[in-house]
Amino acid sequence: MRTTKVPPIARTADGETCESGLGAMSAPSPPPPHPPLPPPSVDQSAWPTPPTCPGSQLCDADGTEMKRTSPKVFDVVFHTTTGDVRVRAWRDLAPQGADRLYNLARLGYYDASPLYRILPGFVAQFGVAADPTVSAIYDWRNDSPGAVIPDETKHASSMGNAKHWISYSASYDAASGMATNRTAELFINLADNTERLDAKGFAAFAKVVEGEAAVDAWFAGYGEMEGACDLHRDGGWVCDGPSESALYSGGVSYINSDFPWMDRVGYASVDASPAVDGDDGIEHLSHHAGKSATSWLAIVLVVLCGAGAWVRSNRWQRAKRERPDLEDPLSTQPLTSQSRRGDREPRESLRAPVGRRSPSIEMTSHSAHHSRQLSRESLASQGAPMGTEIREQNSGSLQGSQSPARVM
């Protein structure tokens, strides 16, 4: 069991800087005054009341309902203030992460939760429950039984943290060099962050498949969270976002009073049998990747074959101009048996003398036509190692043993 807690992604602890070498943080500027709120873009009258503890199966992170196995592929539709966002999850890419999302969504964890960290060109983060009694269960600092799920790394067939792919928010343990302490917070990559995040262990397992425009419309005016201003100085974002501790302790009431323009997840619904094209597993992802690569290979081969035929034709035409009597080696022509005997008789003897019948054999050469068929074999089949494999963990307790440094 860890004694030193690590902050989740883009968070700080004990009022200190999140990343070594950054120096003291500057105090965030106060939020500017807000004009009156516009009318909601979607009907919120049917949105459910968020769950509370006690009274919800979410209250026991180690309980049977929170340990259900998710389908191999499933969708979660987040109904937000800007529209619906459909997310597709592949369990094979990160079984622990997929199971957790499946159970959180179907039990109402994300109902009325804020979209509290929107950084254009980087990530959109959410996943702190609206009610503090629920979010306290999944606050890594409380170390509730079953709340922290085992670490997982990038699967061989995963696209990684590419644009619109989703991973769990986590902290970075300097001892192991990997992300750890995942509970319920998610982030959507708003750009290709594969080089930035994949090697640090953020295991992407889901993707936005519909509603990208709704994601782009989430209010980003609050920028980075309080206390995380120095994490990404090159981003150019303001630092007027909520405080982590206040978000967990105050819930949606804190958001309503201090961040009225912040968008929300009204509720989430689970589609356990989404309509998918072809295979419903990670083979489907590999198939599409292999199909695309094979298509490019086919184009390259066609171009090379065409260029070779053109060069061959030009050489033949040039040789024909130099020697008009030269015959096309691919054309059909009769040959006599005497012509096959080479130099044993002079060329003039190819025609038999009058009165003498020379037996001859007529041989016809045909141009060879070979059909080529490219293999459409998938470039990556299930189980074929293409990168780091999933690292199984035997415990959901807090990982690592030394003080962490921040990743994001």
Protein backbone atom coordinates (compact mmCIF):
# COMPACT_ATOMS: atom_id res chain seq x y z
CA MET A 1 0.00 0.00 0.00
CA ARG A 2 1.34 3.42 -0.95
CA THR A 3 1.78 5.93 1.77
CA THR A 4 2.57 8.78 -0.59
CA LYS A 5 -0.37 9.67 -2.78
CA VAL A 6 0.02 10.75 -6.36
CA PRO A 7 -2.14 13.39 -8.04
CA PRO A 8 -4.24 12.43 -11.05
CA ILE A 9 -3.58 13.91 -14.43
CA ALA A 10 -3.16 17.66 -14.43
CA ARG A 11 -3.53 17.84 -10.68
CA THR A 12 -1.40 19.01 -7.76
CA ALA A 13 -1.20 17.90 -4.16
CA ASP A 14 -0.42 19.80 -0.96
CA GLY A 15 -0.23 23.07 -2.86
CA GLU A 16 3.08 22.19 -4.48
CA THR A 17 4.10 22.09 -8.10
CA CYS A 18 3.07 18.99 -10.02
CA GLU A 19 6.21 18.48 -12.02
CA SER A 20 9.78 18.70 -10.88
CA GLY A 21 11.88 21.53 -12.21
CA LEU A 22 8.98 23.88 -12.89
CA GLY A 23 9.42 26.12 -9.88
CA ALA A 24 6.69 27.80 -7.92
CA MET A 25 3.32 28.24 -9.58
CA SER A 26 1.85 31.63 -10.23
CA ALA A 27 -1.55 32.29 -8.74
CA PRO A 28 -4.37 31.93 -11.28
CA SER A 29 -6.10 35.07 -12.41
CA PRO A 30 -9.70 35.51 -11.25
CA PRO A 31 -12.33 34.42 -13.79
CA PRO A 32 -13.75 37.26 -15.88
CA PRO A 33 -17.38 38.24 -15.30
CA HIS A 34 -19.77 36.19 -17.37
CA PRO A 35 -22.68 37.48 -19.44
CA PRO A 36 -26.09 35.87 -18.94
CA LEU A 37 -26.16 32.22 -19.86
CA PRO A 38 -27.70 31.31 -23.22
CA PRO A 39 -30.66 28.93 -23.29
CA PRO A 40 -29.59 25.26 -23.26
CA SER A 41 -28.96 23.77 -26.68
CA VAL A 42 -30.56 20.46 -25.70
CA ASP A 43 -33.62 19.54 -23.67
CA GLN A 44 -32.48 18.87 -20.11
CA SER A 45 -35.90 18.27 -18.58
CA ALA A 46 -35.57 14.48 -18.79
CA TRP A 47 -32.09 14.31 -17.29
CA PRO A 48 -32.03 12.06 -14.22
CA THR A 49 -31.05 13.06 -10.71
CA PRO A 50 -27.44 11.96 -10.09
CA PRO A 51 -26.89 9.04 -7.69
CA THR A 52 -25.80 9.49 -4.08
CA CYS A 53 -24.25 7.33 -1.36
CA PRO A 54 -25.64 5.41 0.36
CA GLY A 55 -28.33 4.22 -1.99
CA SER A 56 -26.37 3.37 -5.14
CA GLN A 57 -24.42 0.31 -6.24
CA LEU A 58 -21.66 2.74 -7.13
CA CYS A 59 -20.98 3.14 -3.42
CA ASP A 60 -19.16 -0.22 -3.32
CA ALA A 61 -16.37 -0.07 -5.88
CA ASP A 62 -15.41 -3.61 -4.94
CA GLY A 63 -18.96 -4.97 -5.17
CA THR A 64 -20.44 -7.45 -7.61
CA GLU A 65 -22.18 -4.84 -9.75
CA MET A 66 -18.95 -2.91 -10.22
CA LYS A 67 -17.12 -6.11 -11.20
CA ARG A 68 -19.29 -7.09 -14.14
CA THR A 69 -17.48 -8.00 -17.34
CA SER A 70 -18.27 -5.71 -20.24
CA PRO A 71 -19.18 -6.90 -23.75
CA LYS A 72 -16.33 -7.35 -26.19
CA VAL A 73 -17.40 -4.12 -27.89
CA PHE A 74 -19.91 -1.64 -26.49
CA ASP A 75 -20.92 2.00 -26.91
CA VAL A 76 -21.50 4.65 -24.29
CA VAL A 77 -23.52 7.66 -25.39
CA PHE A 78 -22.77 10.73 -23.32
CA HIS A 79 -25.74 13.09 -23.55
CA THR A 80 -24.14 16.50 -23.01
CA THR A 81 -25.23 20.12 -23.03
CA THR A 82 -23.89 20.48 -26.59
CA GLY A 83 -25.27 17.21 -27.97
CA ASP A 84 -24.72 13.46 -27.90
CA VAL A 85 -21.25 11.97 -28.03
CA ARG A 86 -21.04 8.26 -28.86
CA VAL A 87 -17.95 6.48 -27.59
CA ARG A 88 -17.05 2.94 -28.66
CA ALA A 89 -14.95 0.79 -26.32
CA TRP A 90 -13.00 -2.38 -27.18
CA ARG A 91 -12.50 -4.60 -24.15
CA ASP A 92 -9.53 -6.43 -25.70
CA LEU A 93 -7.55 -3.18 -25.72
CA ALA A 94 -7.79 -2.68 -21.94
CA PRO A 95 -10.05 -5.15 -20.09
CA GLN A 96 -9.81 -3.41 -16.70
CA GLY A 97 -10.53 0.00 -18.17
CA ALA A 98 -13.41 -1.22 -20.35
CA ASP A 99 -15.09 -3.05 -17.47
CA ARG A 100 -14.85 0.03 -15.26
CA LEU A 101 -16.35 2.35 -17.89
CA TYR A 102 -19.15 -0.11 -18.63
CA ASN A 103 -20.19 -0.36 -14.98
CA LEU A 104 -19.80 3.34 -14.18
CA ALA A 105 -21.91 4.34 -17.17
CA ARG A 106 -24.73 1.84 -16.68
CA LEU A 107 -25.01 2.71 -12.95
CA GLY A 108 -25.24 6.46 -13.58
CA TYR A 109 -21.87 7.66 -12.31
CA TYR A 110 -21.47 10.31 -15.02
CA ASP A 111 -24.98 11.77 -14.63
CA ALA A 112 -24.81 15.60 -14.28
CA SER A 113 -21.01 15.52 -14.06
CA PRO A 114 -19.02 18.54 -15.30
CA LEU A 115 -16.70 18.71 -18.31
CA TYR A 116 -14.15 20.50 -16.18
CA ARG A 117 -10.89 20.55 -18.15
CA ILE A 118 -11.12 21.48 -21.83
CA LEU A 119 -7.75 22.30 -23.39
CA PRO A 120 -8.09 22.72 -27.19
CA GLY A 121 -5.30 20.98 -29.05
CA PHE A 122 -4.64 18.67 -26.12
CA VAL A 123 -7.38 16.94 -24.07
CA ALA A 124 -10.94 17.19 -22.79
CA GLN A 125 -11.19 15.69 -19.31
CA PHE A 126 -14.18 14.66 -17.20
CA GLY A 127 -15.27 12.00 -14.74
CA VAL A 128 -15.69 13.50 -11.26
CA ALA A 129 -19.18 12.56 -10.07
CA ALA A 130 -21.78 15.27 -9.53
CA ASP A 131 -22.47 14.23 -5.93
CA PRO A 132 -19.54 14.39 -3.47
CA THR A 133 -20.65 11.23 -1.67
CA VAL A 134 -20.09 9.26 -4.88
CA SER A 135 -16.95 11.02 -6.06
CA ALA A 136 -15.37 10.39 -2.65
CA ILE A 137 -15.48 6.63 -3.36
CA TYR A 138 -13.45 7.09 -6.54
CA ASP A 139 -11.04 9.71 -5.19
CA TRP A 140 -7.66 7.92 -5.27
CA ARG A 141 -6.61 9.81 -2.13
CA ASN A 142 -9.23 7.94 -0.08
CA ASP A 143 -7.98 4.54 -1.26
CA SER A 144 -11.46 2.98 -1.19
CA PRO A 145 -11.43 -0.81 -1.72
CA GLY A 146 -11.61 -1.60 -5.42
CA ALA A 147 -11.58 2.04 -6.53
CA VAL A 148 -8.15 1.99 -8.16
CA ILE A 149 -7.98 -0.42 -11.11
CA PRO A 150 -4.76 -2.23 -12.11
CA ASP A 151 -2.43 -0.56 -14.56
CA GLU A 152 -2.62 -1.44 -18.25
CA THR A 153 -0.31 -0.50 -21.09
CA LYS A 154 -0.89 0.06 -24.78
CA HIS A 155 -2.14 -3.06 -26.56
CA ALA A 156 -0.46 -4.20 -29.77
CA SER A 157 -3.58 -3.44 -31.83
CA SER A 158 -4.37 -0.09 -30.18
CA MET A 159 -4.16 3.16 -32.10
CA GLY A 160 -2.79 4.75 -28.92
CA ASN A 161 -3.67 8.26 -27.85
CA ALA A 162 -4.52 9.41 -31.35
CA LYS A 163 -7.11 12.12 -31.93
CA HIS A 164 -10.53 11.31 -30.42
CA TRP A 165 -9.22 8.20 -28.64
CA ILE A 166 -9.90 7.93 -24.91
CA SER A 167 -7.78 6.92 -21.93
CA TYR A 168 -8.15 7.16 -18.18
CA SER A 169 -6.73 10.12 -16.37
CA ALA A 170 -3.92 8.99 -14.12
CA SER A 171 -0.83 10.10 -12.29
CA TYR A 172 2.76 9.44 -13.22
CA ASP A 173 4.88 7.48 -10.81
CA ALA A 174 8.50 8.52 -11.18
CA ALA A 175 9.66 5.18 -9.74
CA SER A 176 8.07 3.07 -12.49
CA GLY A 177 7.92 5.70 -15.21
CA MET A 178 4.31 4.80 -15.96
CA ALA A 179 0.81 6.17 -15.40
CA THR A 180 -0.99 4.73 -12.39
CA ASN A 181 -3.94 5.15 -9.98
CA ARG A 182 -6.82 5.07 -12.50
CA THR A 183 -10.33 5.29 -11.08
CA ALA A 184 -13.07 7.04 -13.07
CA GLU A 185 -11.74 10.19 -14.77
CA LEU A 186 -11.37 10.01 -18.56
CA PHE A 187 -9.85 12.24 -21.18
CA ILE A 188 -10.53 12.54 -24.89
CA ASN A 189 -7.48 13.33 -26.99
CA LEU A 190 -8.23 16.47 -28.99
CA ALA A 191 -5.05 16.00 -31.03
CA ASP A 192 -2.63 13.19 -31.82
CA ASN A 193 -0.90 12.65 -28.47
CA THR A 194 0.60 9.25 -29.24
CA GLU A 195 4.22 10.38 -28.92
CA ARG A 196 3.42 12.39 -25.83
CA LEU A 197 1.39 9.87 -23.82
CA ASP A 198 1.68 6.30 -25.17
CA ALA A 199 5.10 5.57 -23.70
CA LYS A 200 3.91 6.75 -20.30
CA GLY A 201 1.30 4.03 -20.06
CA PHE A 202 -1.96 5.78 -20.87
CA ALA A 203 -3.84 2.85 -22.38
CA ALA A 204 -6.33 4.11 -24.96
CA PHE A 205 -9.25 1.70 -25.29
CA ALA A 206 -12.20 3.71 -26.63
CA LYS A 207 -12.88 6.24 -29.38
CA VAL A 208 -15.41 8.92 -30.20
CA VAL A 209 -17.27 7.51 -33.20
CA GLU A 210 -20.10 10.08 -33.37
CA GLY A 211 -20.55 13.59 -32.01
CA GLU A 212 -17.11 15.09 -32.63
CA ALA A 213 -18.77 18.45 -33.25
CA ALA A 214 -20.38 18.31 -29.82
CA VAL A 215 -16.96 17.71 -28.26
CA ASP A 216 -15.49 20.66 -30.15
CA ALA A 217 -18.30 22.85 -28.81
CA TRP A 218 -17.57 22.19 -25.12
CA PHE A 219 -16.76 25.46 -23.37
CA ALA A 220 -12.99 25.91 -23.08
CA GLY A 221 -12.92 29.41 -21.60
CA TYR A 222 -11.86 28.30 -18.11
CA GLY A 223 -8.73 26.61 -19.44
CA GLU A 224 -6.40 24.73 -17.11
CA MET A 225 -7.36 23.76 -13.58
CA GLU A 226 -6.33 25.77 -10.58
CA GLY A 227 -2.95 24.65 -9.32
CA ALA A 228 -1.89 23.19 -12.67
CA CYS A 229 -0.99 26.39 -14.46
CA ASP A 230 2.68 25.51 -14.96
CA LEU A 231 2.12 22.00 -16.29
CA HIS A 232 1.89 23.03 -19.93
CA ARG A 233 3.28 26.49 -20.41
CA ASP A 234 3.44 26.04 -24.17
CA GLY A 235 -0.33 25.48 -24.44
CA GLY A 236 -1.32 29.11 -24.09
CA TRP A 237 -4.42 28.30 -22.02
CA VAL A 238 -5.75 30.47 -19.26
CA CYS A 239 -5.74 29.04 -15.76
CA ASP A 240 -9.25 29.81 -14.50
CA GLY A 241 -10.52 26.25 -14.04
CA PRO A 242 -11.84 24.59 -10.89
CA SER A 243 -9.79 23.38 -7.97
CA GLU A 244 -9.43 19.61 -7.67
CA SER A 245 -10.16 19.47 -3.95
CA ALA A 246 -13.18 21.78 -4.28
CA LEU A 247 -14.47 19.75 -7.24
CA TYR A 248 -14.42 16.53 -5.24
CA SER A 249 -15.80 18.09 -2.06
CA GLY A 250 -18.37 20.43 -3.59
CA GLY A 251 -19.52 18.51 -6.64
CA VAL A 252 -21.90 20.05 -9.13
CA SER A 253 -23.02 22.71 -6.63
CA TYR A 254 -19.51 24.15 -6.70
CA ILE A 255 -19.59 24.13 -10.51
CA ASN A 256 -23.02 25.79 -10.63
CA SER A 257 -21.91 28.65 -8.40
CA ASP A 258 -18.39 29.29 -9.70
CA PHE A 259 -18.38 27.97 -13.29
CA PRO A 260 -21.84 28.55 -14.77
CA TRP A 261 -20.62 28.33 -18.37
CA MET A 262 -19.09 24.89 -17.92
CA ASP A 263 -20.72 22.18 -20.02
CA ARG A 264 -22.04 18.98 -18.43
CA VAL A 265 -22.75 15.35 -19.11
CA GLY A 266 -26.50 15.10 -18.51
CA TYR A 267 -26.42 11.30 -18.38
CA ALA A 268 -24.81 8.34 -20.07
CA SER A 269 -26.53 5.38 -21.72
CA VAL A 270 -24.92 2.06 -22.64
CA ASP A 271 -25.43 0.27 -25.95
CA ALA A 272 -24.20 -3.26 -25.27
CA SER A 273 -24.72 -4.43 -28.88
CA PRO A 274 -23.70 -1.61 -31.20
CA ALA A 275 -23.91 -1.99 -34.96
CA VAL A 276 -20.35 -2.57 -36.15
CA ASP A 277 -18.99 -3.24 -39.63
CA GLY A 278 -17.37 -6.66 -39.89
CA ASP A 279 -15.57 -8.13 -36.90
CA ASP A 280 -16.50 -6.75 -33.50
CA GLY A 281 -13.11 -7.14 -31.84
CA ILE A 282 -9.61 -5.69 -32.06
CA GLU A 283 -9.13 -7.79 -35.20
CA HIS A 284 -11.50 -5.31 -36.81
CA LEU A 285 -9.14 -2.44 -36.01
CA SER A 286 -6.17 -4.41 -37.34
CA HIS A 287 -8.15 -5.47 -40.41
CA HIS A 288 -8.86 -1.87 -41.36
CA ALA A 289 -5.26 -0.86 -40.77
CA GLY A 290 -4.01 -3.83 -42.81
CA LYS A 291 -6.58 -3.22 -45.54
CA SER A 292 -5.45 0.37 -45.91
CA ALA A 293 -1.77 -0.59 -46.00
CA THR A 294 -2.44 -3.36 -48.52
CA SER A 295 -4.33 -0.94 -50.75
CA TRP A 296 -1.33 1.38 -50.81
CA LEU A 297 0.95 -1.58 -51.56
CA ALA A 298 -1.27 -2.55 -54.49
CA ILE A 299 -1.09 0.98 -55.88
CA VAL A 300 2.71 1.01 -55.58
CA LEU A 301 3.01 -2.35 -57.36
CA VAL A 302 0.71 -1.24 -60.18
CA VAL A 303 2.78 1.91 -60.67
CA LEU A 304 6.04 -0.06 -60.67
CA CYS A 305 4.70 -2.62 -63.16
CA GLY A 306 3.42 0.14 -65.42
CA ALA A 307 6.77 1.94 -65.28
CA GLY A 308 8.60 -1.30 -66.10
CA ALA A 309 6.36 -1.95 -69.12
CA TRP A 310 6.92 1.61 -70.36
CA VAL A 311 10.72 1.29 -70.09
CA ARG A 312 10.64 -2.08 -71.87
CA SER A 313 8.50 -0.65 -74.67
CA ASN A 314 10.83 2.33 -75.15
CA ARG A 315 13.87 0.07 -75.36
CA TRP A 316 12.20 -2.11 -77.99
CA GLN A 317 11.19 0.87 -80.11
CA ARG A 318 14.74 2.25 -79.99
CA ALA A 319 16.19 -1.12 -81.00
CA LYS A 320 13.64 -1.42 -83.82
CA ARG A 321 14.73 1.94 -85.26
CA GLU A 322 18.37 0.81 -85.28
CA ARG A 323 17.58 -2.61 -86.79
CA PRO A 324 14.36 -2.54 -88.86
CA ASP A 325 14.60 -6.30 -89.53
CA LEU A 326 14.51 -7.10 -85.81
CA GLU A 327 11.53 -9.25 -84.89
CA ASP A 328 9.50 -8.83 -81.71
CA PRO A 329 10.63 -11.66 -79.40
CA LEU A 330 7.10 -11.92 -77.99
CA SER A 331 5.39 -12.22 -81.37
CA THR A 332 4.19 -15.55 -82.77
CA GLN A 333 6.42 -16.94 -85.55
CA PRO A 334 6.98 -20.38 -87.17
CA LEU A 335 10.32 -22.03 -86.62
CA THR A 336 11.76 -24.97 -88.65
CA SER A 337 13.69 -27.85 -87.22
CA GLN A 338 16.76 -26.66 -89.09
CA SER A 339 16.62 -23.28 -87.36
CA ARG A 340 16.76 -25.13 -84.07
CA ARG A 341 20.01 -26.84 -85.10
CA GLY A 342 21.89 -23.57 -84.84
CA ASP A 343 25.12 -23.30 -86.80
CA ARG A 344 25.26 -26.88 -88.10
CA GLU A 345 23.83 -25.67 -91.43
CA PRO A 346 24.02 -22.27 -93.09
CA ARG A 347 20.99 -19.99 -92.86
CA GLU A 348 20.36 -20.40 -96.59
CA SER A 349 19.49 -24.05 -96.03
CA LEU A 350 16.41 -23.13 -94.10
CA ARG A 351 14.50 -23.47 -97.38
CA ALA A 352 14.56 -27.05 -98.63
CA PRO A 353 15.88 -27.66 -102.18
CA VAL A 354 13.42 -28.36 -104.96
CA GLY A 355 12.51 -32.00 -105.08
CA ARG A 356 13.59 -32.58 -101.47
CA ARG A 357 11.16 -32.43 -98.69
CA SER A 358 12.63 -31.28 -95.47
CA PRO A 359 10.67 -32.34 -92.43
CA SER A 360 9.91 -29.38 -90.24
CA ILE A 361 8.35 -28.75 -86.88
CA GLU A 362 6.25 -25.68 -86.42
CA MET A 363 6.56 -24.23 -82.91
CA THR A 364 4.54 -21.33 -81.68
CA SER A 365 5.63 -19.19 -78.74
CA HIS A 366 2.94 -17.38 -76.81
CA SER A 367 3.27 -14.39 -74.57
CA ALA A 368 2.87 -15.41 -70.96
CA HIS A 369 0.03 -13.85 -69.08
CA HIS A 370 0.17 -14.16 -65.34
CA SER A 371 -2.50 -12.82 -63.05
CA ARG A 372 -1.21 -11.37 -59.82
CA GLN A 373 -3.27 -11.35 -56.69
CA LEU A 374 -2.14 -9.34 -53.74
CA SER A 375 -2.58 -10.81 -50.32
CA ARG A 376 -5.20 -8.95 -48.29
CA GLU A 377 -3.97 -10.55 -45.14
CA SER A 378 -4.30 -8.26 -42.16
CA LEU A 379 -1.06 -6.54 -41.17
CA ALA A 380 -1.72 -7.33 -37.58
CA SER A 381 -3.72 -10.33 -36.38
CA GLN A 382 -5.00 -10.78 -32.85
CA GLY A 383 -2.23 -11.82 -30.57
CA ALA A 384 0.62 -10.90 -32.90
CA PRO A 385 3.01 -8.75 -30.88
CA MET A 386 3.38 -5.32 -32.43
CA GLY A 387 4.42 -3.39 -29.37
CA THR A 388 4.06 -3.51 -25.62
CA GLU A 389 1.73 -6.18 -24.33
CA ILE A 390 -0.86 -5.70 -21.62
CA ARG A 391 0.80 -5.90 -18.21
CA GLU A 392 -1.48 -7.82 -15.85
CA GLN A 393 -1.77 -6.53 -12.31
CA ASN A 394 -2.88 -8.68 -9.38
CA SER A 395 -4.14 -5.86 -7.22
CA GLY A 396 -6.11 -2.67 -7.61
CA SER A 397 -4.25 -0.96 -4.81
CA LEU A 398 -2.19 2.15 -5.36
CA GLN A 399 0.88 1.41 -7.45
CA GLY A 400 4.54 2.30 -6.94
CA SER A 401 6.51 3.23 -3.91
CA GLN A 402 8.09 6.61 -4.47
CA SER A 403 6.88 10.14 -4.83
CA PRO A 404 5.46 10.74 -8.30
CA ALA A 405 6.08 13.37 -10.92
CA ARG A 406 3.26 14.67 -13.08
CA VAL A 407 2.75 13.55 -16.67
CA MET A 408 0.25 16.06 -17.94
